[in-house]
Amino acid sequence: MSYVEIEVRAKSVDLAVEAAMQELGVADRDQLSVEVIQEPERGFLGIGGQDAVVRVKRRKGRRRRNERKKTSQSQASTGGSKQRGQASAKNGGGNQRGQRQQARDKGRDMSRNEEQREPKIDDRPEMTIEEQARIAGEFLEGLVSAFGLEGTVTTIVEEDVIVADVDGEQTEALVGVRGSVRSAIHELTRTVMQRYAQDTARLRLDIAGYAERRRQALTIYAERLIDQLLEEGGEIMLEPMSPSDRKVIHDAAAARDGVGSYSEGEAPRRYVVLTAAKSVAAEEE
């Protein structure tokens, strides 16, 4: 068989090689020997450019080598299958050893699970509510300082509740949209208290007077809805609120005759429903 050598011109080397493959009837580029005679040039604004020129011919003995390679691969695959069959017959004892190892591992896992189920000793001390108030105050002071704000922190104890107040014009930055940042700081403070003491007390936190302003605004809002409800009857479903905001709505409804309220939904999408029929308000967290 004679091996044809051709020269092909195209916009790029790859396009020239593809054209040569089509002309020679070759599907695999590895079957060709490619020599680049001239690299392509773009020119300036499409003027003065030149195409790529390649000289292409078939590689000698390529097809025969591929056939021999496929034959050897087929034989290797058949031999490998026989060897795997023999190995599986010999490894019966190995499977038994593997099963015994799995049984030992399972026993160790059960022992670890038993240890994990044992109750852990709570080494946190029992603190008085005054000591817990001191921890909450120190944490809030450090938080205000970390934000680089000027403000004062005071904590007092009212019955079984710690009342913490962060005051100062700059502390408005710790309130957030609709009190979102204040709520996060409230949870952080509770977490710090729980880290240092058992049976932590309840905490009520206000920042820059937001809680009081929020309570007054919600009370006015609830009064307007109650007036509307007494005139038109039926029920009014409010938007999802925090437990403290829902309590304000429940308190406003409880102070009026002929109106009831209850909560529905799951946190954080729990909301209040005002109804013209007198009902018992749902317990709040």
C-alpha atoms as a PDB file:
ATOM      1  CA  MET A   1       0.000   0.000   0.000  1.00  0.00           C
ATOM      2  CA  SER A   2       1.344   3.427  -0.953  1.00  0.00           C
ATOM      3  CA  TYR A   3       1.159   6.178   1.624  1.00  0.00           C
ATOM      4  CA  VAL A   4      -0.200   9.410   0.144  1.00  0.00           C
ATOM      5  CA  GLU A   5       1.338  12.735   1.187  1.00  0.00           C
ATOM      6  CA  ILE A   6      -0.692  15.879   0.678  1.00  0.00           C
ATOM      7  CA  GLU A   7      -0.437  19.578   1.497  1.00  0.00           C
ATOM      8  CA  VAL A   8      -3.474  21.425   2.767  1.00  0.00           C
ATOM      9  CA  ARG A   9      -4.050  25.148   3.249  1.00  0.00           C
ATOM     10  CA  ALA A  10      -6.605  26.562   5.742  1.00  0.00           C
ATOM     11  CA  LYS A  11      -7.229  29.435   8.167  1.00  0.00           C
ATOM     12  CA  SER A  12      -5.635  27.474  11.032  1.00  0.00           C
ATOM     13  CA  VAL A  13      -3.501  24.385  11.514  1.00  0.00           C
ATOM     14  CA  ASP A  14      -6.392  22.444  13.097  1.00  0.00           C
ATOM     15  CA  LEU A  15      -8.701  23.224  10.194  1.00  0.00           C
ATOM     16  CA  ALA A  16      -6.019  22.160   7.724  1.00  0.00           C
ATOM     17  CA  VAL A  17      -5.496  18.840   9.550  1.00  0.00           C
ATOM     18  CA  GLU A  18      -9.264  18.188   9.643  1.00  0.00           C
ATOM     19  CA  ALA A  19      -9.470  18.827   5.903  1.00  0.00           C
ATOM     20  CA  ALA A  20      -6.585  16.403   5.327  1.00  0.00           C
ATOM     21  CA  MET A  21      -8.291  13.720   7.458  1.00  0.00           C
ATOM     22  CA  GLN A  22     -11.447  14.019   5.362  1.00  0.00           C
ATOM     23  CA  GLU A  23      -9.498  13.825   2.111  1.00  0.00           C
ATOM     24  CA  LEU A  24      -7.518  10.744   3.252  1.00  0.00           C
ATOM     25  CA  GLY A  25     -10.548   9.068   4.834  1.00  0.00           C
ATOM     26  CA  VAL A  26      -8.948   8.887   8.295  1.00  0.00           C
ATOM     27  CA  ALA A  27     -11.004   9.138  11.494  1.00  0.00           C
ATOM     28  CA  ASP A  28      -8.142   9.129  14.019  1.00  0.00           C
ATOM     29  CA  ARG A  29      -5.661  12.007  13.945  1.00  0.00           C
ATOM     30  CA  ASP A  30      -3.017   9.770  15.521  1.00  0.00           C
ATOM     31  CA  GLN A  31      -2.891   7.809  12.253  1.00  0.00           C
ATOM     32  CA  LEU A  32      -1.406  10.870  10.502  1.00  0.00           C
ATOM     33  CA  SER A  33       2.019  12.431  10.443  1.00  0.00           C
ATOM     34  CA  VAL A  34       1.585  16.239  10.379  1.00  0.00           C
ATOM     35  CA  GLU A  35       4.279  18.726   9.394  1.00  0.00           C
ATOM     36  CA  VAL A  36       3.482  22.454   9.666  1.00  0.00           C
ATOM     37  CA  ILE A  37       4.906  24.219   6.622  1.00  0.00           C
ATOM     38  CA  GLN A  38       3.523  27.665   7.397  1.00  0.00           C
ATOM     39  CA  GLU A  39       1.909  29.157  10.495  1.00  0.00           C
ATOM     40  CA  PRO A  40      -1.193  31.326   9.950  1.00  0.00           C
ATOM     41  CA  GLU A  41      -1.025  35.139  10.300  1.00  0.00           C
ATOM     42  CA  ARG A  42      -3.998  37.440  10.790  1.00  0.00           C
ATOM     43  CA  GLY A  43      -2.599  40.547   9.116  1.00  0.00           C
ATOM     44  CA  PHE A  44      -3.869  44.041   9.830  1.00  0.00           C
ATOM     45  CA  LEU A  45      -7.609  44.685   9.542  1.00  0.00           C
ATOM     46  CA  GLY A  46      -7.887  41.553   7.418  1.00  0.00           C
ATOM     47  CA  ILE A  47      -5.213  42.702   4.955  1.00  0.00           C
ATOM     48  CA  GLY A  48      -1.930  40.889   4.392  1.00  0.00           C
ATOM     49  CA  GLY A  49      -2.827  37.753   6.344  1.00  0.00           C
ATOM     50  CA  GLN A  50      -1.812  34.240   5.334  1.00  0.00           C
ATOM     51  CA  ASP A  51      -3.248  30.766   5.795  1.00  0.00           C
ATOM     52  CA  ALA A  52      -1.677  27.818   7.536  1.00  0.00           C
ATOM     53  CA  VAL A  53      -0.083  25.164   5.324  1.00  0.00           C
ATOM     54  CA  VAL A  54       0.480  21.598   6.549  1.00  0.00           C
ATOM     55  CA  ARG A  55       1.963  18.488   4.921  1.00  0.00           C
ATOM     56  CA  VAL A  56       0.106  15.335   5.998  1.00  0.00           C
ATOM     57  CA  LYS A  57       0.617  11.630   5.370  1.00  0.00           C
ATOM     58  CA  ARG A  58      -0.430   8.345   6.937  1.00  0.00           C
ATOM     59  CA  ARG A  59       1.783   6.759   9.595  1.00  0.00           C
ATOM     60  CA  LYS A  60       3.197   3.403   8.470  1.00  0.00           C
ATOM     61  CA  GLY A  61       1.990   0.288  10.311  1.00  0.00           C
ATOM     62  CA  ARG A  62      -0.409   2.258  12.506  1.00  0.00           C
ATOM     63  CA  ARG A  63      -3.439   0.139  11.712  1.00  0.00           C
ATOM     64  CA  ARG A  64      -1.637  -3.135  12.326  1.00  0.00           C
ATOM     65  CA  ARG A  65      -0.292  -1.964  15.659  1.00  0.00           C
ATOM     66  CA  ASN A  66      -3.801  -0.935  16.746  1.00  0.00           C
ATOM     67  CA  GLU A  67      -5.145  -4.367  15.799  1.00  0.00           C
ATOM     68  CA  ARG A  68      -2.388  -6.120  17.737  1.00  0.00           C
ATOM     69  CA  LYS A  69      -3.028  -3.858  20.700  1.00  0.00           C
ATOM     70  CA  LYS A  70      -6.761  -4.692  20.728  1.00  0.00           C
ATOM     71  CA  THR A  71      -5.977  -8.420  20.528  1.00  0.00           C
ATOM     72  CA  SER A  72      -3.548  -8.271  23.453  1.00  0.00           C
ATOM     73  CA  GLN A  73      -6.048  -6.274  25.528  1.00  0.00           C
ATOM     74  CA  SER A  74      -8.761  -8.870  24.863  1.00  0.00           C
ATOM     75  CA  GLN A  75      -6.439 -11.691  25.885  1.00  0.00           C
ATOM     76  CA  ALA A  76      -5.390  -9.824  29.032  1.00  0.00           C
ATOM     77  CA  SER A  77      -9.030  -9.284  29.943  1.00  0.00           C
ATOM     78  CA  THR A  78      -9.822 -12.991  29.534  1.00  0.00           C
ATOM     79  CA  GLY A  79      -6.783 -14.019  31.569  1.00  0.00           C
ATOM     80  CA  GLY A  80      -7.653 -11.496  34.267  1.00  0.00           C
ATOM     81  CA  SER A  81     -11.160 -12.922  34.582  1.00  0.00           C
ATOM     82  CA  LYS A  82      -9.739 -16.415  35.077  1.00  0.00           C
ATOM     83  CA  GLN A  83      -7.279 -15.164  37.689  1.00  0.00           C
ATOM     84  CA  ARG A  84     -10.050 -13.346  39.574  1.00  0.00           C
ATOM     85  CA  GLY A  85     -12.127 -16.534  39.594  1.00  0.00           C
ATOM     86  CA  GLN A  86      -9.208 -18.498  41.027  1.00  0.00           C
ATOM     87  CA  ALA A  87      -8.481 -15.775  43.579  1.00  0.00           C
ATOM     88  CA  SER A  88     -12.098 -15.727  44.760  1.00  0.00           C
ATOM     89  CA  ALA A  89     -11.944 -19.493  45.319  1.00  0.00           C
ATOM     90  CA  LYS A  90      -8.735 -19.187  47.325  1.00  0.00           C
ATOM     91  CA  ASN A  91      -9.947 -16.260  49.408  1.00  0.00           C
ATOM     92  CA  GLY A  92     -12.748 -18.102  51.200  1.00  0.00           C
ATOM     93  CA  GLY A  93     -10.706 -18.018  54.382  1.00  0.00           C
ATOM     94  CA  GLY A  94     -10.024 -14.341  53.813  1.00  0.00           C
ATOM     95  CA  ASN A  95     -13.763 -13.617  53.783  1.00  0.00           C
ATOM     96  CA  GLN A  96     -14.151 -15.394  57.116  1.00  0.00           C
ATOM     97  CA  ARG A  97     -11.323 -13.314  58.590  1.00  0.00           C
ATOM     98  CA  GLY A  98     -13.027 -10.186  57.261  1.00  0.00           C
ATOM     99  CA  GLN A  99     -16.311 -11.181  58.910  1.00  0.00           C
ATOM    100  CA  ARG A 100     -14.573 -11.727  62.244  1.00  0.00           C
ATOM    101  CA  GLN A 101     -12.934  -8.286  61.935  1.00  0.00           C
ATOM    102  CA  GLN A 102     -16.331  -6.687  61.207  1.00  0.00           C
ATOM    103  CA  ALA A 103     -17.778  -8.363  64.309  1.00  0.00           C
ATOM    104  CA  ARG A 104     -14.944  -6.976  66.456  1.00  0.00           C
ATOM    105  CA  ASP A 105     -15.446  -3.480  64.968  1.00  0.00           C
ATOM    106  CA  LYS A 106     -19.170  -3.678  65.657  1.00  0.00           C
ATOM    107  CA  GLY A 107     -18.466  -4.615  69.268  1.00  0.00           C
ATOM    108  CA  ARG A 108     -16.169  -1.610  69.696  1.00  0.00           C
ATOM    109  CA  ASP A 109     -18.810   0.674  68.176  1.00  0.00           C
ATOM    110  CA  MET A 110     -21.430  -0.626  70.611  1.00  0.00           C
ATOM    111  CA  SER A 111     -19.061   0.011  73.512  1.00  0.00           C
ATOM    112  CA  ARG A 112     -18.484   3.593  72.364  1.00  0.00           C
ATOM    113  CA  ASN A 113     -22.247   4.137  72.028  1.00  0.00           C
ATOM    114  CA  GLU A 114     -22.759   2.876  75.591  1.00  0.00           C
ATOM    115  CA  GLU A 115     -20.141   5.359  76.815  1.00  0.00           C
ATOM    116  CA  GLN A 116     -21.833   8.184  74.936  1.00  0.00           C
ATOM    117  CA  ARG A 117     -25.205   7.333  76.493  1.00  0.00           C
ATOM    118  CA  GLU A 118     -23.799   7.701  79.984  1.00  0.00           C
ATOM    119  CA  PRO A 119     -24.995  10.971  81.538  1.00  0.00           C
ATOM    120  CA  LYS A 120     -22.380  13.705  81.582  1.00  0.00           C
ATOM    121  CA  ILE A 121     -21.657  15.499  84.815  1.00  0.00           C
ATOM    122  CA  ASP A 122     -22.579  19.188  84.719  1.00  0.00           C
ATOM    123  CA  ASP A 123     -19.577  20.948  86.262  1.00  0.00           C
ATOM    124  CA  ARG A 124     -21.081  24.422  85.945  1.00  0.00           C
ATOM    125  CA  PRO A 125     -21.543  26.071  89.348  1.00  0.00           C
ATOM    126  CA  GLU A 126     -24.893  27.117  90.741  1.00  0.00           C
ATOM    127  CA  MET A 127     -24.907  30.934  90.719  1.00  0.00           C
ATOM    128  CA  THR A 128     -27.230  33.388  92.320  1.00  0.00           C
ATOM    129  CA  ILE A 129     -29.280  35.611  90.056  1.00  0.00           C
ATOM    130  CA  GLU A 130     -27.113  38.560  91.096  1.00  0.00           C
ATOM    131  CA  GLU A 131     -23.964  36.755  89.936  1.00  0.00           C
ATOM    132  CA  GLN A 132     -25.636  35.919  86.641  1.00  0.00           C
ATOM    133  CA  ALA A 133     -26.594  39.579  86.221  1.00  0.00           C
ATOM    134  CA  ARG A 134     -22.935  40.529  86.701  1.00  0.00           C
ATOM    135  CA  ILE A 135     -21.862  38.080  83.963  1.00  0.00           C
ATOM    136  CA  ALA A 136     -24.490  39.454  81.573  1.00  0.00           C
ATOM    137  CA  GLY A 137     -23.411  43.033  82.300  1.00  0.00           C
ATOM    138  CA  GLU A 138     -19.723  42.307  81.727  1.00  0.00           C
ATOM    139  CA  PHE A 139     -20.477  40.596  78.420  1.00  0.00           C
ATOM    140  CA  LEU A 140     -22.616  43.496  77.171  1.00  0.00           C
ATOM    141  CA  GLU A 141     -19.979  46.048  78.200  1.00  0.00           C
ATOM    142  CA  GLY A 142     -17.338  44.112  76.265  1.00  0.00           C
ATOM    143  CA  LEU A 143     -19.658  43.922  73.261  1.00  0.00           C
ATOM    144  CA  VAL A 144     -20.275  47.672  73.207  1.00  0.00           C
ATOM    145  CA  SER A 145     -16.532  48.291  73.514  1.00  0.00           C
ATOM    146  CA  ALA A 146     -15.753  45.807  70.719  1.00  0.00           C
ATOM    147  CA  PHE A 147     -18.058  47.731  68.383  1.00  0.00           C
ATOM    148  CA  GLY A 148     -16.256  50.963  69.293  1.00  0.00           C
ATOM    149  CA  LEU A 149     -19.457  52.593  70.589  1.00  0.00           C
ATOM    150  CA  GLU A 150     -20.042  54.875  73.533  1.00  0.00           C
ATOM    151  CA  GLY A 151     -22.737  53.614  75.859  1.00  0.00           C
ATOM    152  CA  THR A 152     -23.534  52.484  79.375  1.00  0.00           C
ATOM    153  CA  VAL A 153     -24.769  49.115  80.565  1.00  0.00           C
ATOM    154  CA  THR A 154     -26.898  48.652  83.661  1.00  0.00           C
ATOM    155  CA  THR A 155     -28.345  45.430  85.065  1.00  0.00           C
ATOM    156  CA  ILE A 156     -30.910  45.054  87.821  1.00  0.00           C
ATOM    157  CA  VAL A 157     -32.877  42.127  89.195  1.00  0.00           C
ATOM    158  CA  GLU A 158     -36.678  42.269  89.287  1.00  0.00           C
ATOM    159  CA  GLU A 159     -38.018  39.235  91.118  1.00  0.00           C
ATOM    160  CA  ASP A 160     -36.661  36.300  89.042  1.00  0.00           C
ATOM    161  CA  VAL A 161     -35.799  38.323  85.904  1.00  0.00           C
ATOM    162  CA  ILE A 162     -32.517  40.022  84.960  1.00  0.00           C
ATOM    163  CA  VAL A 163     -33.261  43.377  83.325  1.00  0.00           C
ATOM    164  CA  ALA A 164     -30.337  44.642  81.240  1.00  0.00           C
ATOM    165  CA  ASP A 165     -30.321  48.087  79.636  1.00  0.00           C
ATOM    166  CA  VAL A 166     -27.793  49.341  77.079  1.00  0.00           C
ATOM    167  CA  ASP A 167     -28.155  53.109  76.753  1.00  0.00           C
ATOM    168  CA  GLY A 168     -26.505  55.752  74.566  1.00  0.00           C
ATOM    169  CA  GLU A 169     -27.141  57.428  71.206  1.00  0.00           C
ATOM    170  CA  GLN A 170     -24.481  55.380  69.409  1.00  0.00           C
ATOM    171  CA  THR A 171     -25.969  52.117  70.657  1.00  0.00           C
ATOM    172  CA  GLU A 172     -28.801  52.499  68.123  1.00  0.00           C
ATOM    173  CA  ALA A 173     -26.455  50.561  65.817  1.00  0.00           C
ATOM    174  CA  LEU A 174     -27.028  47.499  68.020  1.00  0.00           C
ATOM    175  CA  VAL A 175     -30.789  47.512  67.406  1.00  0.00           C
ATOM    176  CA  GLY A 176     -30.948  46.624  63.707  1.00  0.00           C
ATOM    177  CA  VAL A 177     -33.934  46.457  61.399  1.00  0.00           C
ATOM    178  CA  ARG A 178     -37.033  45.781  63.490  1.00  0.00           C
ATOM    179  CA  GLY A 179     -34.777  44.829  66.406  1.00  0.00           C
ATOM    180  CA  SER A 180     -33.074  41.939  64.598  1.00  0.00           C
ATOM    181  CA  VAL A 181     -29.601  42.739  65.973  1.00  0.00           C
ATOM    182  CA  ARG A 182     -30.998  43.303  69.459  1.00  0.00           C
ATOM    183  CA  SER A 183     -32.648  39.864  69.334  1.00  0.00           C
ATOM    184  CA  ALA A 184     -29.342  38.278  68.306  1.00  0.00           C
ATOM    185  CA  ILE A 185     -27.498  40.020  71.148  1.00  0.00           C
ATOM    186  CA  HIS A 186     -30.193  38.837  73.553  1.00  0.00           C
ATOM    187  CA  GLU A 187     -29.585  35.225  72.512  1.00  0.00           C
ATOM    188  CA  LEU A 188     -25.802  35.640  72.722  1.00  0.00           C
ATOM    189  CA  THR A 189     -26.076  37.025  76.248  1.00  0.00           C
ATOM    190  CA  ARG A 190     -28.268  34.118  77.326  1.00  0.00           C
ATOM    191  CA  THR A 191     -25.774  31.681  75.819  1.00  0.00           C
ATOM    192  CA  VAL A 192     -22.925  33.259  77.786  1.00  0.00           C
ATOM    193  CA  MET A 193     -24.937  32.997  80.994  1.00  0.00           C
ATOM    194  CA  GLN A 194     -25.729  29.335  80.321  1.00  0.00           C
ATOM    195  CA  ARG A 195     -22.049  28.643  79.748  1.00  0.00           C
ATOM    196  CA  TYR A 196     -21.069  29.760  83.223  1.00  0.00           C
ATOM    197  CA  ALA A 197     -24.060  28.837  85.376  1.00  0.00           C
ATOM    198  CA  GLN A 198     -26.693  26.177  85.881  1.00  0.00           C
ATOM    199  CA  ASP A 199     -30.403  27.073  85.877  1.00  0.00           C
ATOM    200  CA  THR A 200     -29.920  30.515  84.334  1.00  0.00           C
ATOM    201  CA  ALA A 201     -32.479  33.174  85.077  1.00  0.00           C
ATOM    202  CA  ARG A 202     -34.737  34.855  82.558  1.00  0.00           C
ATOM    203  CA  LEU A 203     -33.270  37.861  80.762  1.00  0.00           C
ATOM    204  CA  ARG A 204     -34.979  40.990  79.475  1.00  0.00           C
ATOM    205  CA  LEU A 205     -32.739  43.184  77.323  1.00  0.00           C
ATOM    206  CA  ASP A 206     -33.340  46.677  75.995  1.00  0.00           C
ATOM    207  CA  ILE A 207     -30.976  48.667  73.795  1.00  0.00           C
ATOM    208  CA  ALA A 208     -31.313  52.430  73.202  1.00  0.00           C
ATOM    209  CA  GLY A 209     -34.892  52.300  74.518  1.00  0.00           C
ATOM    210  CA  TYR A 210     -36.020  50.226  71.549  1.00  0.00           C
ATOM    211  CA  ALA A 211     -38.025  47.665  73.525  1.00  0.00           C
ATOM    212  CA  GLU A 212     -40.147  50.344  75.208  1.00  0.00           C
ATOM    213  CA  ARG A 213     -40.726  52.196  71.931  1.00  0.00           C
ATOM    214  CA  ARG A 214     -41.616  48.937  70.245  1.00  0.00           C
ATOM    215  CA  ARG A 215     -44.045  48.011  73.011  1.00  0.00           C
ATOM    216  CA  GLN A 216     -45.810  51.373  72.792  1.00  0.00           C
ATOM    217  CA  ALA A 217     -46.044  51.219  69.005  1.00  0.00           C
ATOM    218  CA  LEU A 218     -47.417  47.670  69.067  1.00  0.00           C
ATOM    219  CA  THR A 219     -49.976  48.596  71.721  1.00  0.00           C
ATOM    220  CA  ILE A 220     -51.288  51.468  69.573  1.00  0.00           C
ATOM    221  CA  TYR A 221     -51.344  49.165  66.534  1.00  0.00           C
ATOM    222  CA  ALA A 222     -53.246  46.464  68.449  1.00  0.00           C
ATOM    223  CA  GLU A 223     -55.793  48.999  69.779  1.00  0.00           C
ATOM    224  CA  ARG A 224     -56.624  50.120  66.239  1.00  0.00           C
ATOM    225  CA  LEU A 225     -57.093  46.542  65.070  1.00  0.00           C
ATOM    226  CA  ILE A 226     -59.291  45.760  68.073  1.00  0.00           C
ATOM    227  CA  ASP A 227     -61.520  48.778  67.323  1.00  0.00           C
ATOM    228  CA  GLN A 228     -61.873  47.570  63.742  1.00  0.00           C
ATOM    229  CA  LEU A 229     -62.649  44.051  64.946  1.00  0.00           C
ATOM    230  CA  LEU A 230     -65.379  45.216  67.332  1.00  0.00           C
ATOM    231  CA  GLU A 231     -67.067  47.100  64.484  1.00  0.00           C
ATOM    232  CA  GLU A 232     -66.777  44.489  61.742  1.00  0.00           C
ATOM    233  CA  GLY A 233     -66.426  41.204  63.655  1.00  0.00           C
ATOM    234  CA  GLY A 234     -64.565  38.147  62.380  1.00  0.00           C
ATOM    235  CA  GLU A 235     -60.843  37.576  62.826  1.00  0.00           C
ATOM    236  CA  ILE A 236     -57.642  39.421  61.986  1.00  0.00           C
ATOM    237  CA  MET A 237     -54.407  37.512  61.394  1.00  0.00           C
ATOM    238  CA  LEU A 238     -51.240  39.479  62.145  1.00  0.00           C
ATOM    239  CA  GLU A 239     -47.771  39.035  60.657  1.00  0.00           C
ATOM    240  CA  PRO A 240     -45.239  36.678  62.306  1.00  0.00           C
ATOM    241  CA  MET A 241     -43.754  38.153  65.469  1.00  0.00           C
ATOM    242  CA  SER A 242     -41.273  37.362  68.195  1.00  0.00           C
ATOM    243  CA  PRO A 243     -42.578  35.980  71.523  1.00  0.00           C
ATOM    244  CA  SER A 244     -42.161  39.367  73.235  1.00  0.00           C
ATOM    245  CA  ASP A 245     -44.112  41.174  70.496  1.00  0.00           C
ATOM    246  CA  ARG A 246     -46.875  38.572  70.563  1.00  0.00           C
ATOM    247  CA  LYS A 247     -47.189  39.043  74.308  1.00  0.00           C
ATOM    248  CA  VAL A 248     -47.832  42.773  73.789  1.00  0.00           C
ATOM    249  CA  ILE A 249     -50.689  41.953  71.377  1.00  0.00           C
ATOM    250  CA  HIS A 250     -52.149  39.374  73.763  1.00  0.00           C
ATOM    251  CA  ASP A 251     -52.000  41.860  76.658  1.00  0.00           C
ATOM    252  CA  ALA A 252     -53.767  44.530  74.592  1.00  0.00           C
ATOM    253  CA  ALA A 253     -56.521  42.068  73.633  1.00  0.00           C
ATOM    254  CA  ALA A 254     -56.925  40.844  77.205  1.00  0.00           C
ATOM    255  CA  ALA A 255     -57.532  44.417  78.364  1.00  0.00           C
ATOM    256  CA  ARG A 256     -60.564  44.816  76.060  1.00  0.00           C
ATOM    257  CA  ASP A 257     -63.989  43.210  76.424  1.00  0.00           C
ATOM    258  CA  GLY A 258     -65.399  41.113  73.606  1.00  0.00           C
ATOM    259  CA  VAL A 259     -62.019  40.385  72.023  1.00  0.00           C
ATOM    260  CA  GLY A 260     -59.771  37.360  72.232  1.00  0.00           C
ATOM    261  CA  SER A 261     -56.435  36.311  70.820  1.00  0.00           C
ATOM    262  CA  TYR A 262     -54.423  33.179  70.200  1.00  0.00           C
ATOM    263  CA  SER A 263     -51.177  32.201  68.496  1.00  0.00           C
ATOM    264  CA  GLU A 264     -50.713  29.848  65.571  1.00  0.00           C
ATOM    265  CA  GLY A 265     -47.817  28.555  63.458  1.00  0.00           C
ATOM    266  CA  GLU A 266     -44.311  27.432  64.279  1.00  0.00           C
ATOM    267  CA  ALA A 267     -41.416  29.682  65.224  1.00  0.00           C
ATOM    268  CA  PRO A 268     -40.069  31.812  63.658  1.00  0.00           C
ATOM    269  CA  ARG A 269     -43.314  32.139  61.613  1.00  0.00           C
ATOM    270  CA  ARG A 270     -45.620  32.079  64.643  1.00  0.00           C
ATOM    271  CA  TYR A 271     -48.280  34.801  64.557  1.00  0.00           C
ATOM    272  CA  VAL A 272     -51.241  36.183  66.540  1.00  0.00           C
ATOM    273  CA  VAL A 273     -54.901  35.985  65.533  1.00  0.00           C
ATOM    274  CA  LEU A 274     -57.329  38.506  66.986  1.00  0.00           C
ATOM    275  CA  THR A 275     -60.926  37.343  67.145  1.00  0.00           C
ATOM    276  CA  ALA A 276     -64.209  38.947  68.109  1.00  0.00           C
ATOM    277  CA  ALA A 277     -65.102  35.806  70.072  1.00  0.00           C
ATOM    278  CA  LYS A 278     -63.574  35.824  73.548  1.00  0.00           C
ATOM    279  CA  SER A 279     -60.878  33.113  73.794  1.00  0.00           C
ATOM    280  CA  VAL A 280     -57.923  32.224  75.909  1.00  0.00           C
ATOM    281  CA  ALA A 281     -54.556  33.565  74.638  1.00  0.00           C
ATOM    282  CA  ALA A 282     -51.976  30.943  73.811  1.00  0.00           C
ATOM    283  CA  GLU A 283     -49.125  30.491  76.268  1.00  0.00           C
ATOM    284  CA  GLU A 284     -45.919  32.212  75.168  1.00  0.00           C
ATOM    285  CA  GLU A 285     -42.404  30.919  75.501  1.00  0.00           C
END
